[in-house]
């Protein structure tokens, strides 16, 4: 596998997991072609910002072991013979709080919890911490062929140290589930952060964003040179795009920031 085809879904979702699954199924049944992995937006299981209180979100959440939402996506992944990287509202034992979680669903039916969101969106008047318990560990790696990728969720984009950690572990890219809320200059901020995280770490950022009344859309792909290769605009849609690992390797030779980062910071932290 010298090239990786990623599928990106951009859509507007509701508070009903069953209805949201049907939206995912509809768009992929019509438009999926050959992607090795399909990325879904944040809140694509339950749109928690659509007027729901924490207890209402908890009552709609599901444990990963017996999630009907995951089971349906697993059937879809199997029928398409592809991986689906889904955002799940994971039930916990600390009612009314849940977790914002990424799950990799393989075509074989195997499911793997990859990551729970560390940096909760307590900004711009929102308080995700009223809904979620923050994760306490970094993303697990996802291998597509021999190439390593990690996962982040939305507000994580504002924390460069997270992405640098993954790049230092030789990541070729990071998949980002996003529900980037509309607001003053928010579209531009999303664009700047995607370009910065990709370029400063010479890796791909693949971002799937929620769209509609509350969210900005603008899903896409940022390459290791900090160039936005894909901009999906504001409308619901699906796109497949080819990721070229050789571009990561080329960028890291041309702009050896990762090598210099390892040398300097390894020395710094040993003092």
Protein backbone atom coordinates (compact mmCIF):
# COMPACT_ATOMS: atom_id res chain seq x y z
CA UNK A 1 0.00 0.00 0.00
CA UNK A 2 1.93 3.01 -1.31
CA UNK A 3 -1.12 5.26 -1.30
CA UNK A 4 -4.00 5.51 1.16
CA UNK A 5 -7.49 6.54 0.12
CA UNK A 6 -9.42 8.30 2.87
CA UNK A 7 -13.15 8.90 2.84
CA UNK A 8 -14.49 12.00 4.61
CA UNK A 9 -18.13 12.45 5.58
CA UNK A 10 -19.53 15.94 6.24
CA UNK A 11 -23.15 16.19 7.36
CA UNK A 12 -25.59 17.60 9.88
CA UNK A 13 -26.77 15.22 12.59
CA UNK A 14 -29.62 15.04 15.09
CA UNK A 15 -30.11 13.89 18.68
CA UNK A 16 -31.33 10.44 17.48
CA UNK A 17 -28.59 7.80 17.02
CA UNK A 18 -30.76 5.61 14.77
CA UNK A 19 -31.59 8.49 12.47
CA UNK A 20 -27.94 9.54 12.41
CA UNK A 21 -26.88 6.04 11.41
CA UNK A 22 -29.36 6.15 8.55
CA UNK A 23 -27.80 9.41 7.36
CA UNK A 24 -24.33 7.84 7.40
CA UNK A 25 -25.63 4.74 5.60
CA UNK A 26 -27.41 6.81 2.96
CA UNK A 27 -24.44 8.97 2.05
CA UNK A 28 -21.97 6.05 1.98
CA UNK A 29 -24.31 3.75 0.07
CA UNK A 30 -24.60 6.39 -2.63
CA UNK A 31 -21.05 7.70 -2.80
CA UNK A 32 -18.53 5.24 -1.30
CA UNK A 33 -16.12 3.88 -3.91
CA UNK A 34 -12.79 2.55 -2.63
CA UNK A 35 -11.64 4.33 0.53
CA UNK A 36 -9.40 2.36 2.87
CA UNK A 37 -10.89 4.21 5.84
CA UNK A 38 -13.95 6.46 6.27
CA UNK A 39 -13.88 9.26 8.85
CA UNK A 40 -17.09 10.50 10.51
CA UNK A 41 -17.57 13.88 12.24
CA UNK A 42 -17.71 14.53 15.96
CA UNK A 43 -21.25 14.22 17.36
CA UNK A 44 -22.36 12.07 14.43
CA UNK A 45 -23.92 9.60 16.89
CA UNK A 46 -25.63 12.25 19.04
CA UNK A 47 -25.52 15.98 18.38
CA UNK A 48 -25.20 17.00 22.03
CA UNK A 49 -25.30 20.74 21.30
CA UNK A 50 -28.78 20.54 19.76
CA UNK A 51 -30.50 21.49 23.01
CA UNK A 52 -29.73 18.37 25.08
CA UNK A 53 -28.93 18.46 28.78
CA UNK A 54 -26.19 16.19 30.21
CA UNK A 55 -28.67 13.65 31.60
CA UNK A 56 -30.49 13.48 28.27
CA UNK A 57 -27.20 12.80 26.51
CA UNK A 58 -26.35 10.13 29.08
CA UNK A 59 -29.67 8.39 28.55
CA UNK A 60 -28.99 8.23 24.79
CA UNK A 61 -25.36 7.12 25.20
CA UNK A 62 -24.24 3.50 24.79
CA UNK A 63 -21.53 1.32 26.22
CA UNK A 64 -19.05 0.16 23.61
CA UNK A 65 -19.74 -3.51 24.35
CA UNK A 66 -23.44 -3.45 23.43
CA UNK A 67 -23.84 -0.36 21.28
CA UNK A 68 -26.53 -0.68 18.63
CA UNK A 69 -24.97 2.31 16.82
CA UNK A 70 -21.63 0.51 16.57
CA UNK A 71 -23.35 -2.75 15.58
CA UNK A 72 -25.09 -1.03 12.68
CA UNK A 73 -21.88 0.69 11.57
CA UNK A 74 -20.12 -2.66 11.79
CA UNK A 75 -22.63 -4.15 9.36
CA UNK A 76 -22.08 -1.17 7.07
CA UNK A 77 -18.29 -1.49 7.26
CA UNK A 78 -18.59 -5.15 6.38
CA UNK A 79 -20.89 -4.52 3.42
CA UNK A 80 -18.52 -1.84 2.07
CA UNK A 81 -15.40 -3.82 3.00
CA UNK A 82 -13.75 -0.81 4.60
CA UNK A 83 -12.76 0.64 7.97
CA UNK A 84 -15.01 3.25 9.59
CA UNK A 85 -13.59 5.61 12.21
CA UNK A 86 -16.63 6.69 14.22
CA UNK A 87 -17.29 9.18 17.00
CA UNK A 88 -19.24 7.62 19.87
CA UNK A 89 -20.90 9.04 22.98
CA UNK A 90 -19.65 6.39 25.38
CA UNK A 91 -21.63 5.58 28.52
CA UNK A 92 -19.70 5.58 31.80
CA UNK A 93 -20.45 4.66 35.42
CA UNK A 94 -20.39 8.33 36.43
CA UNK A 95 -23.90 9.43 35.49
CA UNK A 96 -24.72 11.91 33.94
CA UNK A 97 -21.28 12.21 32.33
CA UNK A 98 -20.18 10.25 29.28
CA UNK A 99 -17.00 10.14 27.18
CA UNK A 100 -16.30 11.56 23.74
CA UNK A 101 -14.73 8.53 22.09
CA UNK A 102 -13.30 7.43 18.75
CA UNK A 103 -13.82 3.81 17.71
CA UNK A 104 -12.27 2.02 14.74
CA UNK A 105 -14.71 -0.41 13.15
CA UNK A 106 -13.03 -2.91 10.84
CA UNK A 107 -14.72 -4.73 7.93
CA UNK A 108 -14.20 -8.00 9.80
CA UNK A 109 -16.56 -6.74 12.52
CA UNK A 110 -13.78 -6.15 15.02
CA UNK A 111 -14.06 -2.87 16.93
CA UNK A 112 -11.29 -1.03 18.73
CA UNK A 113 -11.55 1.93 21.08
CA UNK A 114 -8.83 4.27 19.85
CA UNK A 115 -9.15 7.44 21.90
CA UNK A 116 -11.28 9.48 24.29
CA UNK A 117 -11.08 13.24 24.00
CA UNK A 118 -8.58 14.78 26.42
CA UNK A 119 -9.16 18.49 25.88
CA UNK A 120 -12.82 19.29 26.48
CA UNK A 121 -14.45 22.30 24.82
CA UNK A 122 -14.89 24.71 27.72
CA UNK A 123 -14.66 27.91 25.69
CA UNK A 124 -16.80 30.48 23.85
CA UNK A 125 -19.48 30.00 26.50
CA UNK A 126 -19.71 26.20 26.04
CA UNK A 127 -18.89 23.63 28.72
CA UNK A 128 -18.27 20.15 27.39
CA UNK A 129 -17.04 19.22 30.84
CA UNK A 130 -20.67 19.32 31.99
CA UNK A 131 -21.25 16.39 29.62
CA UNK A 132 -17.99 14.46 29.40
CA UNK A 133 -15.23 12.97 31.49
CA UNK A 134 -11.91 13.77 29.79
CA UNK A 135 -9.82 10.95 28.45
CA UNK A 136 -6.61 10.12 30.29
CA UNK A 137 -4.46 8.58 27.58
CA UNK A 138 -3.17 9.35 24.12
CA UNK A 139 -4.62 7.89 20.96
CA UNK A 140 -3.72 4.35 20.02
CA UNK A 141 -2.04 4.01 16.67
CA UNK A 142 -3.91 2.98 13.54
CA UNK A 143 -1.86 1.22 10.89
CA UNK A 144 -3.00 1.49 7.30
CA UNK A 145 -0.60 -0.85 5.60
CA UNK A 146 2.75 0.01 7.18
CA UNK A 147 1.83 3.65 7.80
CA UNK A 148 0.96 4.91 11.27
CA UNK A 149 -1.86 7.35 12.04
CA UNK A 150 -3.43 8.69 15.23
CA UNK A 151 -6.74 10.30 16.22
CA UNK A 152 -7.71 13.65 17.74
CA UNK A 153 -11.08 15.26 18.41
CA UNK A 154 -11.95 18.87 17.57
CA UNK A 155 -10.72 21.14 20.41
CA UNK A 156 -7.53 19.04 20.51
CA UNK A 157 -6.43 21.01 17.43
CA UNK A 158 -5.60 23.92 19.73
CA UNK A 159 -2.94 21.88 21.57
CA UNK A 160 0.16 21.57 19.38
CA UNK A 161 2.01 19.41 21.89
CA UNK A 162 -0.45 16.57 21.27
CA UNK A 163 0.23 16.55 17.54
CA UNK A 164 3.96 16.94 18.04
CA UNK A 165 3.90 13.86 20.28
CA UNK A 166 2.31 11.84 17.49
CA UNK A 167 4.70 13.21 14.89
CA UNK A 168 7.67 12.35 17.09
CA UNK A 169 6.35 8.80 17.11
CA UNK A 170 6.63 8.81 13.29
CA UNK A 171 2.96 9.37 12.50
CA UNK A 172 2.11 10.00 8.86
CA UNK A 173 -1.04 11.81 9.85
CA UNK A 174 -3.81 12.43 12.35
CA UNK A 175 -7.52 11.85 11.77
CA UNK A 176 -9.63 14.56 13.41
CA UNK A 177 -13.33 14.18 14.27
CA UNK A 178 -14.70 17.70 14.52
CA UNK A 179 -17.80 19.62 15.50
CA UNK A 180 -16.30 23.08 15.02
CA UNK A 181 -18.91 25.50 16.35
CA UNK A 182 -19.71 28.65 14.37
CA UNK A 183 -18.58 31.99 15.74
CA UNK A 184 -16.51 35.10 15.10
CA UNK A 185 -13.59 34.13 12.80
CA UNK A 186 -14.07 30.45 13.68
CA UNK A 187 -13.82 29.25 10.07
CA UNK A 188 -10.51 31.03 9.66
CA UNK A 189 -9.24 29.67 12.97
CA UNK A 190 -10.05 26.11 11.90
CA UNK A 191 -8.22 26.64 8.62
CA UNK A 192 -5.16 28.16 10.31
CA UNK A 193 -4.94 25.42 12.93
CA UNK A 194 -5.25 22.64 10.34
CA UNK A 195 -2.46 24.20 8.28
CA UNK A 196 -0.28 24.78 11.33
CA UNK A 197 -0.64 21.29 12.81
CA UNK A 198 0.12 19.70 9.44
CA UNK A 199 3.07 21.90 8.49
CA UNK A 200 4.83 22.17 11.85
CA UNK A 201 4.80 18.36 12.10
CA UNK A 202 5.22 17.59 8.36
CA UNK A 203 2.29 15.18 8.33
CA UNK A 204 -1.27 14.97 7.04
CA UNK A 205 -4.29 16.26 8.95
CA UNK A 206 -7.51 14.62 7.76
CA UNK A 207 -10.54 16.40 9.22
CA UNK A 208 -14.23 15.49 9.16
CA UNK A 209 -16.46 18.27 10.47
CA UNK A 210 -20.10 18.56 11.37
CA UNK A 211 -22.05 21.10 9.32
CA UNK A 212 -25.47 22.74 9.50
CA UNK A 213 -26.92 25.43 11.74
CA UNK A 214 -24.36 25.13 14.55
CA UNK A 215 -21.14 24.12 12.81
CA UNK A 216 -18.81 25.55 10.17
CA UNK A 217 -18.19 22.51 7.93
CA UNK A 218 -14.96 23.04 5.97
CA UNK A 219 -13.87 19.40 6.30
CA UNK A 220 -10.76 18.55 4.36
CA UNK A 221 -7.18 17.41 4.04
CA UNK A 222 -4.06 19.39 4.94
CA UNK A 223 -0.77 18.10 3.56
CA UNK A 224 2.67 18.08 5.23
CA UNK A 225 3.62 21.39 3.60
CA UNK A 226 0.68 23.09 5.32
CA UNK A 227 -1.37 23.31 2.14
CA UNK A 228 -5.10 22.60 2.24
CA UNK A 229 -5.65 20.04 -0.52
CA UNK A 230 -9.39 19.60 0.13
CA UNK A 231 -12.04 22.07 1.30
CA UNK A 232 -15.54 20.58 1.44
CA UNK A 233 -17.24 23.92 2.02
CA UNK A 234 -20.48 24.07 3.98
CA UNK A 235 -22.84 21.56 2.38
CA UNK A 236 -23.29 17.91 3.36
CA UNK A 237 -21.17 15.62 1.24
CA UNK A 238 -18.63 12.84 0.92
CA UNK A 239 -15.25 12.81 -0.74
CA UNK A 240 -12.47 10.28 -1.25
CA UNK A 241 -8.92 11.57 -1.39
CA UNK A 242 -5.53 9.95 -1.88
CA UNK A 243 -2.94 10.36 0.84
CA UNK A 244 0.65 9.86 -0.33
CA UNK A 245 3.07 8.74 2.40
CA UNK A 246 5.99 9.66 0.12
CA UNK A 247 4.97 13.32 0.52
CA UNK A 248 5.45 12.99 4.30
CA UNK A 249 8.89 11.46 3.80
CA UNK A 250 9.82 14.11 1.23
CA UNK A 251 8.65 16.95 3.50
CA UNK A 252 10.61 15.59 6.45
CA UNK A 253 13.78 15.58 4.37
CA UNK A 254 13.13 19.01 2.90
CA UNK A 255 12.07 20.60 6.21
CA UNK A 256 13.72 18.48 8.94
CA UNK A 257 11.89 20.04 11.87
CA UNK A 258 11.15 16.67 13.42
CA UNK A 259 14.82 15.64 13.49
CA UNK A 260 15.79 18.99 14.99
CA UNK A 261 12.95 18.78 17.48
CA UNK A 262 14.17 15.40 18.69
CA UNK A 263 17.73 16.63 19.10
CA UNK A 264 16.89 19.86 20.92
CA UNK A 265 14.08 18.70 23.16
CA UNK A 266 15.72 15.42 24.10
CA UNK A 267 18.70 17.45 25.31
CA UNK A 268 16.47 20.01 27.02
CA UNK A 269 14.43 17.48 28.96
CA UNK A 270 17.53 15.58 30.10
CA UNK A 271 18.95 18.66 31.84
